[in-house]
Amino acid sequence: MQNPIKPFFIFFAIEMLVTGIFVSLMVSDTIPLYQKPYAVVGFIIFTFGAVFYLIYHLLLKNRILKKRLRKTGVAAIGTIISTAETSMRINNRPVLKIQIDIHDKLNGKFTATVYKTASILSVSGLMPGNKINVLFNPQNTNEVVIDD
């Protein structure tokens, strides 16, 4: 069963982006910006579309995936291969890029990359060589989350 929130956010973001671009292009370039209310409105709509897409992609996507995998996913133990800090922060907490080796009887061995926000105290548990619990989709091994 597909989550109804995902199509809504994707549709809304695409609609906002397309509308913003379309309205911005409708106005002639020879008119000064303060006389182009449609261009300003188009830019605002474009900005809101981009913000809604980023909210979905950065914040909600992993929560929705984790909730779905807790119901339908396969539990496994993974070994951390590498951990790298990205340049992104959420609530002043670093986002880590974690590569994990996962061994499963059904799918064999595969490597997955997971992005996770981590506090300074939890970083020590995410060092290379450590074992962690993961959940993954057996039909799509790219869908992996760390089971906290």
Protein backbone atom coordinates (compact mmCIF):
# COMPACT_ATOMS: atom_id res chain seq x y z
CA MET A 1 0.00 0.00 0.00
CA GLN A 2 1.40 3.36 -1.04
CA ASN A 3 1.42 6.22 1.43
CA PRO A 4 -0.98 8.98 0.23
CA ILE A 5 1.31 11.75 1.54
CA LYS A 6 4.10 11.04 -0.95
CA PRO A 7 2.11 11.62 -4.18
CA PHE A 8 0.54 14.74 -2.67
CA PHE A 9 3.87 16.35 -1.83
CA ILE A 10 5.44 15.41 -5.16
CA PHE A 11 2.42 16.63 -7.14
CA PHE A 12 2.20 19.85 -5.11
CA ALA A 13 5.91 20.60 -5.48
CA ILE A 14 5.90 19.95 -9.24
CA GLU A 15 2.73 21.99 -9.69
CA MET A 16 4.20 24.91 -7.77
CA LEU A 17 7.47 24.79 -9.72
CA VAL A 18 5.79 24.60 -13.13
CA THR A 19 3.29 27.34 -12.25
CA GLY A 20 6.06 29.59 -11.01
CA ILE A 21 8.15 29.12 -14.14
CA PHE A 22 5.14 29.57 -16.43
CA VAL A 23 3.97 32.77 -14.74
CA SER A 24 7.51 34.18 -14.70
CA LEU A 25 7.95 33.56 -18.42
CA MET A 26 4.63 35.18 -19.34
CA VAL A 27 5.87 38.68 -18.52
CA SER A 28 8.05 40.65 -20.95
CA ASP A 29 11.67 41.41 -20.00
CA THR A 30 11.39 45.07 -21.08
CA ILE A 31 9.15 46.01 -18.12
CA PRO A 32 10.85 46.91 -14.78
CA LEU A 33 10.47 44.36 -11.99
CA TYR A 34 8.20 46.51 -9.81
CA GLN A 35 5.74 46.64 -12.72
CA LYS A 36 5.74 42.84 -13.13
CA PRO A 37 3.41 41.57 -10.41
CA TYR A 38 2.99 38.27 -12.27
CA ALA A 39 6.74 37.68 -12.29
CA VAL A 40 6.97 38.38 -8.57
CA VAL A 41 4.01 36.09 -7.87
CA GLY A 42 5.59 33.44 -10.12
CA PHE A 43 8.86 33.66 -8.22
CA ILE A 44 7.05 33.35 -4.88
CA ILE A 45 5.09 30.31 -6.12
CA PHE A 46 8.32 28.78 -7.44
CA THR A 47 10.02 29.34 -4.08
CA PHE A 48 7.15 27.75 -2.14
CA GLY A 49 7.21 24.74 -4.47
CA ALA A 50 10.93 24.29 -3.91
CA VAL A 51 10.50 24.59 -0.13
CA PHE A 52 7.70 22.00 -0.04
CA TYR A 53 9.79 19.59 -2.11
CA LEU A 54 12.79 20.01 0.19
CA ILE A 55 10.62 19.51 3.29
CA TYR A 56 9.32 16.26 1.84
CA HIS A 57 12.67 15.04 0.56
CA LEU A 58 14.78 15.91 3.60
CA LEU A 59 12.39 15.42 6.50
CA LEU A 60 9.39 13.28 5.65
CA LYS A 61 10.75 10.75 3.18
CA ASN A 62 12.90 8.87 5.71
CA ARG A 63 10.15 8.89 8.35
CA ILE A 64 7.63 7.46 5.89
CA LEU A 65 10.13 4.85 4.68
CA LYS A 66 11.04 3.81 8.24
CA LYS A 67 7.38 3.45 9.21
CA ARG A 68 6.67 1.31 6.12
CA LEU A 69 9.76 -0.88 6.60
CA ARG A 70 8.87 -1.51 10.25
CA LYS A 71 5.66 -3.12 8.99
CA THR A 72 6.82 -4.86 5.82
CA GLY A 73 10.64 -4.83 5.81
CA VAL A 74 13.17 -7.50 6.65
CA ALA A 75 15.34 -7.09 9.74
CA ALA A 76 19.05 -7.76 9.37
CA ILE A 77 22.36 -6.93 10.98
CA GLY A 78 24.69 -4.72 9.00
CA THR A 79 28.36 -3.85 9.38
CA ILE A 80 29.33 -0.21 8.97
CA ILE A 81 31.95 0.21 6.23
CA SER A 82 32.40 3.96 6.39
CA THR A 83 30.96 7.05 8.03
CA ALA A 84 31.35 10.55 6.63
CA GLU A 85 29.92 13.84 7.78
CA THR A 86 28.05 15.74 5.08
CA SER A 87 27.89 19.52 4.92
CA MET A 88 24.20 19.42 5.90
CA ARG A 89 22.85 19.95 9.43
CA ILE A 90 19.33 19.50 10.78
CA ASN A 91 18.59 21.22 14.10
CA ASN A 92 22.32 21.83 14.48
CA ARG A 93 22.98 18.08 14.30
CA PRO A 94 25.27 16.72 11.59
CA VAL A 95 23.87 14.50 8.85
CA LEU A 96 26.11 11.46 8.37
CA LYS A 97 26.53 9.41 5.21
CA ILE A 98 26.88 5.79 6.34
CA GLN A 99 27.80 2.88 4.07
CA ILE A 100 26.64 -0.47 5.39
CA ASP A 101 27.37 -4.08 4.35
CA ILE A 102 24.22 -6.16 4.85
CA HIS A 103 24.17 -9.95 4.79
CA ASP A 104 20.83 -11.62 4.14
CA LYS A 105 20.02 -15.24 3.31
CA LEU A 106 17.52 -14.24 0.63
CA ASN A 107 19.43 -11.44 -1.14
CA GLY A 108 23.00 -12.38 -0.22
CA LYS A 109 25.45 -9.59 0.55
CA PHE A 110 24.82 -6.03 -0.61
CA THR A 111 26.00 -2.54 0.26
CA ALA A 112 23.65 0.33 1.08
CA THR A 113 24.10 4.01 1.81
CA VAL A 114 22.03 5.62 4.56
CA TYR A 115 21.85 9.26 5.64
CA LYS A 116 21.20 9.81 9.33
CA THR A 117 21.19 12.78 11.68
CA ALA A 118 23.31 12.05 14.70
CA SER A 119 24.02 13.70 18.00
CA ILE A 120 27.62 14.04 19.11
CA LEU A 121 27.09 11.24 21.64
CA SER A 122 25.68 8.76 19.11
CA VAL A 123 28.52 9.22 16.58
CA SER A 124 30.75 6.83 18.52
CA GLY A 125 28.28 4.00 17.90
CA LEU A 126 28.40 4.62 14.14
CA MET A 127 32.09 3.92 13.58
CA PRO A 128 33.38 1.56 10.87
CA GLY A 129 33.32 -2.09 11.94
CA ASN A 130 30.38 -1.69 14.32
CA LYS A 131 27.30 -3.85 13.83
CA ILE A 132 23.88 -2.19 13.65
CA ASN A 133 20.29 -3.31 13.16
CA VAL A 134 18.80 -2.36 9.82
CA LEU A 135 15.50 -2.81 8.02
CA PHE A 136 15.34 -3.16 4.24
CA ASN A 137 12.90 -3.87 1.45
CA PRO A 138 13.71 -7.29 -0.07
CA GLN A 139 12.29 -6.22 -3.47
CA ASN A 140 14.36 -3.00 -3.53
CA THR A 141 17.59 -3.20 -1.55
CA ASN A 142 18.15 0.55 -2.02
CA GLU A 143 15.45 1.14 0.61
CA VAL A 144 17.37 0.70 3.87
CA VAL A 145 16.96 2.38 7.24
CA ILE A 146 18.80 2.03 10.51
CA ASP A 147 16.47 0.52 13.11
CA ASP A 148 16.91 2.56 16.29
